Structure formats: structure tokens, C-alpha cells
N, C-alpha and C. Protein backbone atom coordinates (compact mmCIF):
# COMPACT_ATOMS: atom_id res chain seq x y z
N MET A 1 0.98 -1.32 0.27
CA MET A 1 -0.26 0.09 -0.32
C MET A 1 1.35 1.26 0.06
N MET A 2 0.59 2.22 -0.85
CA MET A 2 1.62 3.67 -0.86
C MET A 2 1.27 4.37 0.74
N ILE A 3 2.18 5.14 0.75
CA ILE A 3 2.04 5.98 2.08
C ILE A 3 0.89 6.94 1.78
N ASN A 4 0.68 7.38 0.89
CA ASN A 4 -1.02 8.15 1.06
C ASN A 4 -2.01 7.53 0.91
N GLU A 5 -2.22 5.95 0.83
CA GLU A 5 -3.26 5.50 1.06
C GLU A 5 -3.42 5.21 2.58
N ILE A 6 -2.02 4.70 3.04
CA ILE A 6 -2.15 4.28 4.63
C ILE A 6 -2.46 5.71 5.12
N GLN A 7 -2.20 7.10 4.62
CA GLN A 7 -2.52 8.40 5.49
C GLN A 7 -4.01 8.44 5.20
N ASP A 8 -4.49 8.12 4.33
CA ASP A 8 -5.99 8.34 4.25
C ASP A 8 -6.72 7.54 4.91
N GLU A 9 -6.42 6.01 5.09
CA GLU A 9 -7.00 5.11 6.09
C GLU A 9 -6.80 5.75 7.39
N ILE A 10 -5.82 6.35 7.84
CA ILE A 10 -5.91 6.55 9.29
C ILE A 10 -6.66 8.05 9.37
N ILE A 11 -6.71 8.83 8.57
CA ILE A 11 -7.46 10.22 8.72
C ILE A 11 -9.19 9.48 8.48
N GLU A 12 -9.31 8.29 8.14
CA GLU A 12 -10.83 7.84 7.99
C GLU A 12 -11.02 7.50 9.39
N GLU A 13 -9.76 6.42 10.09
CA GLU A 13 -10.11 6.19 11.10
C GLU A 13 -10.25 7.03 12.55
N PHE A 14 -9.39 8.07 12.50
CA PHE A 14 -9.60 9.38 13.30
C PHE A 14 -10.90 9.92 12.92
N ASN A 15 -11.33 10.27 11.79
CA ASN A 15 -12.70 10.83 11.36
C ASN A 15 -13.94 10.25 12.30
N ASP A 16 -13.76 8.97 12.63
CA ASP A 16 -14.93 7.91 13.14
C ASP A 16 -15.43 8.59 14.67
N PHE A 17 -14.05 9.67 15.12
CA PHE A 17 -14.17 10.04 16.66
C PHE A 17 -14.65 11.61 16.40
N ASP A 18 -15.28 12.20 17.33
CA ASP A 18 -15.65 13.77 17.19
C ASP A 18 -14.94 14.31 18.47
N ASP A 19 -14.85 13.42 19.46
CA ASP A 19 -14.24 14.00 20.66
C ASP A 19 -12.43 13.40 20.68
N TRP A 20 -11.87 14.72 21.43
CA TRP A 20 -10.36 14.19 21.28
C TRP A 20 -9.97 13.59 22.31
N MET A 21 -10.81 13.29 23.11
CA MET A 21 -10.86 12.36 24.14
C MET A 21 -10.45 11.08 23.77
N ASP A 22 -11.65 10.63 22.97
CA ASP A 22 -11.76 9.33 22.02
C ASP A 22 -10.27 9.11 21.22
N LYS A 23 -10.17 10.07 20.48
CA LYS A 23 -8.54 10.26 19.77
C LYS A 23 -7.41 9.62 20.46
N TYR A 24 -7.34 10.61 21.61
CA TYR A 24 -6.25 10.35 22.58
C TYR A 24 -6.46 8.61 22.77
N GLN A 25 -7.25 8.10 23.15
CA GLN A 25 -7.60 6.73 23.48
C GLN A 25 -7.21 6.00 22.41
N MET A 26 -7.35 6.44 21.26
CA MET A 26 -7.33 5.35 20.07
C MET A 26 -5.57 5.66 19.99
N LEU A 27 -4.82 6.66 20.18
CA LEU A 27 -3.48 6.75 19.96
C LEU A 27 -2.89 5.67 21.00
N ILE A 28 -3.38 6.09 22.46
CA ILE A 28 -3.35 5.05 23.61
C ILE A 28 -2.98 3.55 23.12
N ASP A 29 -4.49 3.18 22.71
CA ASP A 29 -4.51 1.68 22.20
C ASP A 29 -3.33 1.24 21.09
N LEU A 30 -2.96 2.17 20.30
CA LEU A 30 -2.26 2.09 19.06
C LEU A 30 -0.79 1.67 19.82
N GLY A 31 -0.21 2.35 20.68
CA GLY A 31 0.91 2.31 21.53
C GLY A 31 1.20 1.22 22.26
N ASN A 32 -0.35 0.64 22.74
CA ASN A 32 -0.22 -0.48 23.31
C ASN A 32 -0.01 -1.68 22.69
N GLU A 33 -0.60 -1.62 21.44
CA GLU A 33 -0.35 -2.59 20.24
C GLU A 33 0.88 -2.98 19.61
N LEU A 34 1.73 -1.80 19.74
CA LEU A 34 2.98 -1.54 19.28
C LEU A 34 3.91 -2.74 19.83
N GLU A 35 4.50 -3.48 18.74
CA GLU A 35 5.39 -4.40 19.44
C GLU A 35 6.41 -3.96 20.31
N PRO A 36 7.09 -4.67 21.18
CA PRO A 36 7.64 -3.95 22.18
C PRO A 36 9.16 -3.83 21.53
N LEU A 37 10.00 -2.76 21.55
CA LEU A 37 11.17 -2.82 20.81
C LEU A 37 12.35 -3.52 21.61
N ASP A 38 13.09 -4.28 21.30
CA ASP A 38 14.09 -5.10 21.72
C ASP A 38 15.21 -4.32 22.55
N GLU A 39 15.44 -4.56 23.80
CA GLU A 39 16.40 -3.92 24.68
C GLU A 39 17.51 -3.90 23.93
N LYS A 40 17.92 -4.69 23.12
CA LYS A 40 19.42 -4.02 22.37
C LYS A 40 19.61 -2.84 21.52
N TYR A 41 18.19 -2.81 21.35
CA TYR A 41 17.88 -1.19 20.53
C TYR A 41 17.37 0.03 21.34
N LYS A 42 17.64 -0.22 22.45
CA LYS A 42 17.18 1.00 23.43
C LYS A 42 18.61 1.83 23.86
N THR A 43 19.54 2.28 22.82
CA THR A 43 20.43 2.52 22.79
C THR A 43 20.51 4.55 23.07
N GLU A 44 21.73 4.77 23.30
CA GLU A 44 21.53 6.53 22.87
C GLU A 44 21.73 6.81 21.79
N SER A 45 22.19 6.05 20.79
CA SER A 45 22.29 6.39 19.49
C SER A 45 20.80 5.89 18.52
N ASN A 46 19.79 5.47 19.30
CA ASN A 46 18.46 5.29 18.83
C ASN A 46 17.39 6.02 19.51
N LEU A 47 18.05 6.95 20.50
CA LEU A 47 17.48 7.93 21.38
C LEU A 47 16.95 9.11 20.25
N ILE A 48 15.90 9.54 20.37
CA ILE A 48 15.48 11.03 19.47
C ILE A 48 15.64 11.99 20.04
N ASP A 49 16.45 12.71 19.92
CA ASP A 49 16.52 14.23 20.46
C ASP A 49 15.54 14.93 20.26
N GLY A 50 15.15 15.88 21.41
CA GLY A 50 14.29 16.80 21.11
C GLY A 50 12.77 16.35 21.31
N CYS A 51 12.83 14.98 21.78
CA CYS A 51 11.49 14.75 22.46
C CYS A 51 11.52 14.86 24.20
N GLN A 52 10.53 15.20 24.40
CA GLN A 52 10.18 15.29 26.17
C GLN A 52 10.62 13.89 26.77
N SER A 53 9.24 12.95 25.97
CA SER A 53 9.63 11.70 26.64
C SER A 53 10.57 10.98 25.84
N ARG A 54 11.19 9.79 26.38
CA ARG A 54 12.41 8.78 25.61
C ARG A 54 11.75 8.17 24.65
N VAL A 55 11.77 8.00 23.29
CA VAL A 55 11.71 7.74 22.31
C VAL A 55 12.89 7.23 21.38
N TRP A 56 12.90 5.74 20.91
CA TRP A 56 14.13 4.91 20.42
C TRP A 56 13.26 4.66 18.84
N VAL A 57 14.04 5.13 18.23
CA VAL A 57 13.51 4.46 16.63
C VAL A 57 15.11 3.55 16.30
N GLN A 58 14.88 2.41 15.65
CA GLN A 58 15.93 1.25 14.89
C GLN A 58 15.50 1.30 13.45
N CYS A 59 15.98 1.57 12.70
CA CYS A 59 15.92 1.43 11.28
C CYS A 59 17.15 0.87 10.54
N ASP A 60 16.59 0.01 9.66
CA ASP A 60 17.08 -1.08 8.99
C ASP A 60 16.64 -1.08 7.82
N LEU A 61 17.77 -1.27 6.93
CA LEU A 61 17.36 -1.27 5.39
C LEU A 61 17.15 -2.93 4.73
N VAL A 62 15.93 -3.28 4.44
CA VAL A 62 15.83 -4.94 4.16
C VAL A 62 15.25 -4.92 2.93
N ASP A 63 15.71 -5.70 1.83
CA ASP A 63 15.58 -5.42 0.43
C ASP A 63 15.21 -4.31 -0.08
N GLY A 64 16.13 -3.23 0.03
CA GLY A 64 15.81 -1.99 -0.38
C GLY A 64 14.49 -1.17 0.37
N ASN A 65 13.98 -1.55 1.47
CA ASN A 65 12.84 -0.69 2.04
C ASN A 65 13.35 -0.57 3.37
N ILE A 66 13.01 0.68 3.75
CA ILE A 66 13.20 0.83 5.08
C ILE A 66 12.42 -0.09 6.31
N GLU A 67 12.77 -0.58 7.29
CA GLU A 67 11.96 -1.09 8.16
C GLU A 67 12.50 -0.46 9.67
N LEU A 68 11.19 0.24 9.86
CA LEU A 68 11.53 0.72 11.22
C LEU A 68 10.65 -0.11 12.63
N GLN A 69 11.65 0.29 13.74
CA GLN A 69 10.83 -0.22 14.93
C GLN A 69 11.00 0.89 16.01
N ALA A 70 10.25 1.09 16.74
CA ALA A 70 10.34 1.78 17.89
C ALA A 70 9.86 1.88 18.92
N ASP A 71 9.63 2.68 19.95
CA ASP A 71 9.23 2.29 21.58
C ASP A 71 9.41 3.74 22.08
N SER A 72 8.34 3.79 23.45
CA SER A 72 8.64 5.01 23.83
C SER A 72 8.06 4.58 25.12
N ASP A 73 8.64 5.55 26.28
CA ASP A 73 8.02 5.36 27.77
C ASP A 73 6.67 6.42 28.14
N ALA A 74 6.36 6.72 26.84
CA ALA A 74 5.02 7.46 26.96
C ALA A 74 3.61 6.78 26.23
N LEU A 75 2.94 6.94 26.93
CA LEU A 75 1.60 6.10 25.81
C LEU A 75 1.16 7.10 24.61
N ILE A 76 0.62 8.01 25.00
CA ILE A 76 0.25 8.98 23.84
C ILE A 76 1.73 8.92 22.59
N VAL A 77 2.64 9.32 22.87
CA VAL A 77 3.96 9.32 22.16
C VAL A 77 4.08 7.80 21.42
N LYS A 78 4.11 6.78 22.43
CA LYS A 78 4.11 5.51 21.35
C LYS A 78 3.01 5.41 20.81
N GLY A 79 1.75 5.95 20.80
CA GLY A 79 0.81 5.67 19.83
C GLY A 79 1.29 6.58 18.37
N ILE A 80 1.65 7.69 18.78
CA ILE A 80 2.22 8.46 17.66
C ILE A 80 3.56 7.69 16.79
N VAL A 81 4.12 7.35 17.61
CA VAL A 81 5.41 6.55 16.84
C VAL A 81 4.47 5.31 15.98
N ALA A 82 3.67 4.65 16.65
CA ALA A 82 2.99 3.72 15.84
C ALA A 82 2.09 4.33 14.42
N LEU A 83 2.08 5.34 14.38
CA LEU A 83 1.30 5.76 13.23
C LEU A 83 2.32 5.96 12.28
N LEU A 84 3.46 6.37 12.68
CA LEU A 84 4.71 6.73 11.73
C LEU A 84 4.90 5.66 10.87
N LEU A 85 4.99 4.54 12.30
CA LEU A 85 5.64 3.11 11.69
C LEU A 85 4.90 2.41 10.52
N ARG A 86 3.62 2.74 10.84
CA ARG A 86 2.42 2.01 10.13
C ARG A 86 2.27 2.99 8.51
N ILE A 87 2.94 4.15 8.74
CA ILE A 87 2.91 4.83 7.36
C ILE A 87 4.16 4.62 6.79
N LEU A 88 5.18 4.42 7.35
CA LEU A 88 6.65 4.98 6.59
C LEU A 88 7.24 3.55 6.72
N SER A 89 7.21 2.79 7.38
CA SER A 89 7.99 1.26 7.55
C SER A 89 7.58 0.52 6.29
N GLY A 90 8.22 -0.21 5.80
CA GLY A 90 8.08 -0.84 4.61
C GLY A 90 8.17 -0.36 3.14
N HIS A 91 8.46 0.97 3.43
CA HIS A 91 8.80 1.68 1.94
C HIS A 91 10.51 1.93 1.85
N THR A 92 10.45 2.36 0.48
CA THR A 92 12.07 2.89 -0.07
C THR A 92 12.41 3.91 0.66
N PRO A 93 13.40 4.17 0.89
CA PRO A 93 14.05 5.35 1.17
C PRO A 93 13.71 6.97 0.47
N GLN A 94 13.52 6.53 -0.65
CA GLN A 94 12.70 7.50 -1.77
C GLN A 94 11.72 8.38 -1.61
N GLU A 95 10.82 6.89 -1.31
CA GLU A 95 9.10 7.21 -0.75
C GLU A 95 9.13 8.02 0.33
N ILE A 96 10.10 7.74 1.44
CA ILE A 96 10.12 8.38 2.58
C ILE A 96 10.33 9.89 2.42
N LEU A 97 11.26 9.95 1.82
CA LEU A 97 11.87 11.36 1.76
C LEU A 97 10.63 12.22 1.01
N ASP A 98 10.25 11.90 -0.10
CA ASP A 98 8.90 12.47 -1.11
C ASP A 98 7.64 12.38 -0.15
N ALA A 99 7.56 12.03 0.88
CA ALA A 99 6.14 11.53 1.49
C ALA A 99 5.77 13.22 2.40
N ASP A 100 4.71 13.53 2.04
CA ASP A 100 4.05 14.54 2.56
C ASP A 100 3.27 14.18 3.84
N LEU A 101 3.64 14.06 4.91
CA LEU A 101 3.08 13.82 5.90
C LEU A 101 1.48 14.29 6.52
N TYR A 102 0.81 14.53 5.54
CA TYR A 102 -0.67 15.70 5.68
C TYR A 102 -1.51 15.06 6.73
N PHE A 103 -1.41 13.51 7.19
CA PHE A 103 -2.21 12.93 7.95
C PHE A 103 -2.21 13.77 9.37
N ILE A 104 -0.95 14.55 9.87
CA ILE A 104 -0.67 14.97 11.12
C ILE A 104 -2.05 16.43 11.33
N ASP A 105 -2.16 17.11 10.32
CA ASP A 105 -2.94 18.27 10.03
C ASP A 105 -4.30 17.57 10.02
N GLN A 106 -4.76 16.83 9.34
CA GLN A 106 -5.72 16.03 8.62
C GLN A 106 -6.43 15.74 9.90
N ILE A 107 -6.03 14.83 10.88
CA ILE A 107 -6.78 14.26 11.93
C ILE A 107 -6.38 15.45 13.03
N GLY A 108 -5.91 16.44 12.60
CA GLY A 108 -6.04 17.51 14.00
C GLY A 108 -4.69 17.14 14.91
N LEU A 109 -3.67 16.27 14.65
CA LEU A 109 -3.32 15.88 15.84
C LEU A 109 -1.99 17.13 16.17
N ARG A 110 -1.55 17.97 15.08
CA ARG A 110 -0.86 19.48 15.50
C ARG A 110 -1.49 20.01 16.55
N GLU A 111 -2.82 20.46 16.36
CA GLU A 111 -3.07 21.14 16.96
C GLU A 111 -3.54 20.55 18.43
N HIS A 112 -3.80 19.52 18.69
CA HIS A 112 -4.40 18.76 19.70
C HIS A 112 -3.04 18.48 20.77
N LEU A 113 -1.49 18.53 20.25
CA LEU A 113 -0.70 18.05 21.00
C LEU A 113 -0.04 19.23 21.53
N SER A 114 0.57 19.51 22.83
CA SER A 114 1.32 20.08 23.63
C SER A 114 2.67 20.41 22.86
N PRO A 115 3.06 21.78 23.10
CA PRO A 115 4.31 22.21 22.21
C PRO A 115 5.50 21.29 22.26
N THR A 116 5.57 20.82 23.39
CA THR A 116 6.77 19.86 23.53
C THR A 116 6.53 18.71 22.77
N ARG A 117 5.34 17.87 22.89
CA ARG A 117 5.09 16.90 22.22
C ARG A 117 4.99 17.06 20.35
N SER A 118 4.54 18.21 20.18
CA SER A 118 4.49 18.42 18.76
C SER A 118 6.02 18.73 18.30
N ASN A 119 6.91 19.16 19.18
CA ASN A 119 8.35 19.33 18.52
C ASN A 119 8.79 18.31 18.66
N GLY A 120 8.42 16.71 19.72
CA GLY A 120 8.93 15.61 19.65
C GLY A 120 8.39 14.88 18.21
N LEU A 121 7.22 15.05 17.94
CA LEU A 121 6.79 14.61 16.61
C LEU A 121 7.63 14.89 15.56
N LEU A 122 7.69 15.83 15.46
CA LEU A 122 8.73 16.74 14.03
C LEU A 122 10.51 16.07 14.37
N ALA A 123 10.71 15.94 15.42
CA ALA A 123 12.09 15.40 15.78
C ALA A 123 11.92 13.64 15.36
N MET A 124 10.85 13.46 15.63
CA MET A 124 10.80 11.74 15.32
C MET A 124 11.07 11.64 13.48
N ILE A 125 10.16 12.63 13.09
CA ILE A 125 9.91 12.55 11.29
C ILE A 125 11.66 13.26 10.96
N LYS A 126 11.90 13.81 11.44
CA LYS A 126 13.21 14.29 10.72
C LYS A 126 14.36 13.34 11.15
N GLN A 127 14.23 12.49 11.94
CA GLN A 127 15.42 11.21 12.42
C GLN A 127 15.02 10.12 11.26
N ILE A 128 13.83 9.95 11.25
CA ILE A 128 13.42 8.67 10.53
C ILE A 128 13.64 9.29 8.72
N ARG A 129 13.58 10.74 8.37
CA ARG A 129 14.11 11.05 6.82
C ARG A 129 15.63 11.10 7.24
N ILE A 130 16.42 11.17 8.23
CA ILE A 130 17.95 11.29 8.12
C ILE A 130 18.22 10.17 7.95
N TYR A 131 17.20 9.07 8.33
CA TYR A 131 18.04 7.21 8.02
C TYR A 131 17.76 7.28 6.63
N ALA A 132 16.20 7.75 6.26
CA ALA A 132 16.01 7.15 4.71
C ALA A 132 17.27 7.84 3.95
N LEU A 133 17.70 9.22 4.12
CA LEU A 133 18.69 9.81 3.63
C LEU A 133 20.24 9.13 3.49
N ALA A 134 20.34 8.75 4.63
CA ALA A 134 21.18 7.75 4.63
C ALA A 134 21.37 6.49 3.85
N TYR A 135 20.31 5.76 3.75
CA TYR A 135 19.98 4.85 3.16
C TYR A 135 19.58 4.84 1.46
N ASN A 136 19.29 5.98 1.53
CA ASN A 136 19.08 6.45 -0.28
C ASN A 136 20.15 6.29 -1.30
N ASN A 137 20.10 5.32 -2.08
CA ASN A 137 21.41 5.40 -3.59
C ASN A 137 20.99 6.12 -4.11
């Protein structure tokens, strides 16, 4: 599935809820469903700078596609990470670099996050793009 198709799916899922408390609950549920990150990847080099909570992102190139794994010690942030992984993992570095992550505004995430969480989200995206750039041939 293409990145924009996945984003459209997520937008549709979030549009099922009017109340932001329900959307936060959905993020928490997504975070709880995220596979735990192997302890060996919870290293300083995988820690995202700029996040208030601790967020680790492991990136590997497998058969030309970026495979992402991540974890966080904060429930809502873990849900946000789960969304990013769902959208970006399994795509080529170039697809990730070209992606316009419009779902963030479409579901109202940017306006409903605290400034520190919003900065953390941008830091996660930036780090994933740096990985993609490094793997891009």
C-alpha cells in the first residue's frame, strides 16, 4: 500500500471520533498494540533528540525498504510512533523522503498536542528522514 493510501486510512479511522479524548484513547490503544522494541535497540544512538519523553527508533534497510521499529516510555507518544511506523515502515528511502505527511494536520494532531509533544513528533519525523537519506542510493 502506498504512503498516501495508508494516511487516508488513518484519517478515516480518526474521523470516526468527534471527541479528542476518544482520539487520545485511540493513540494509547495503538501504542499498546506496538511490538515492544528489543532492549538491544534501546541505545543512546537510537534515542530521539528533542522529545520530552524517551523515544527510540531503530531503522534497517531490508531488500531496499526501510524497516522501522520504535518504542517510547509515554503512552500517547508511543501511539504517535505507531502511526509513523504504520505509514513509513516498509517503503523505500526515496518514498519516505518524498512523503508529505498530511495526516498530522488532517486528524488535528498538531493542534491537539502540547508544544513539547509537537516538537517531539517533528524530531521523530526528522530522524526517520535522516535514516532514509543515509540509505538512499
